Amino acid sequence: MELNQIEQRIIGVLLEKEITTPDQYPLSLNSLTTGCNQKSNREPVLELSEAEVLDAIDGLIAKRIVVRDEAVSGRVDKYRHRFCNTEFGDLQFSEQQLAIVCVLLLRGPQTPGELRSRTNRLANFAQVSEVEQVLQDLQQQSLTQQLPRQPGKRESRYQHLFISSTEAELVSAGAEPLAESDLNSLLEEVQQLKQELAKIKQHLGL
């Protein structure tokens, strides 16, 4: 399953709010946008418009990952995920697995220690070793990956793999996943270079 940056944020917010504020779930477009732009427990902090969020929602609906609850009696439409733990879905997570995936979607690469402290509203981990075991279980399902340890750091970080194949290759090489805008810019530059190289070869008769 490939998700761009905004799609990752939307799914993370829906997972989080379903657990922490069940009385407000499913979420309206306004609530979902507010959750996406929230300054706490988000990395990076985004400033998305409702139009941008709605475009991403439409894409997720097309992928059958999000469902729209149609408005009744003049009320606003609301949205809920079908990302995991649904009757016919492939992804079935335990409470601890769901908590870790949720926070990785919201905050990107993190250490087991960071994940333990940041999942306290979603699940209970008695010690860091429990987090590490869950991460290993998810890694065996090709849903997370351990990143090379950064210089001067005691713990390695883990990254979810609900990303494009290009980003996954960068993760395997130890690089940070790029923001979608940066990745698109890089791919455009590569395409331009290929076109220029083809022109040079044609000019030289190669």
Foldseek 3Di string as FASTA:
>chain_A
DADALLLLLLQLLQLVCCQQPVVCPQDFLVRSQCSSQPVPLAPPRDNDDSVVNVVSQVVCVVVVQKDWDPDDPPDGIGMHGPNADDPPDPHHDDQLLSLQSSSCSGHNWDFLVVSQVSSVSRDHDPDSVVSVVSQVVCVVVVQKDWAPDDPPDDTTIMHGDNHDPVQVVCRVVRHGRDRPVVVVVVVVVVVVVVVVVVVVCVVVVD
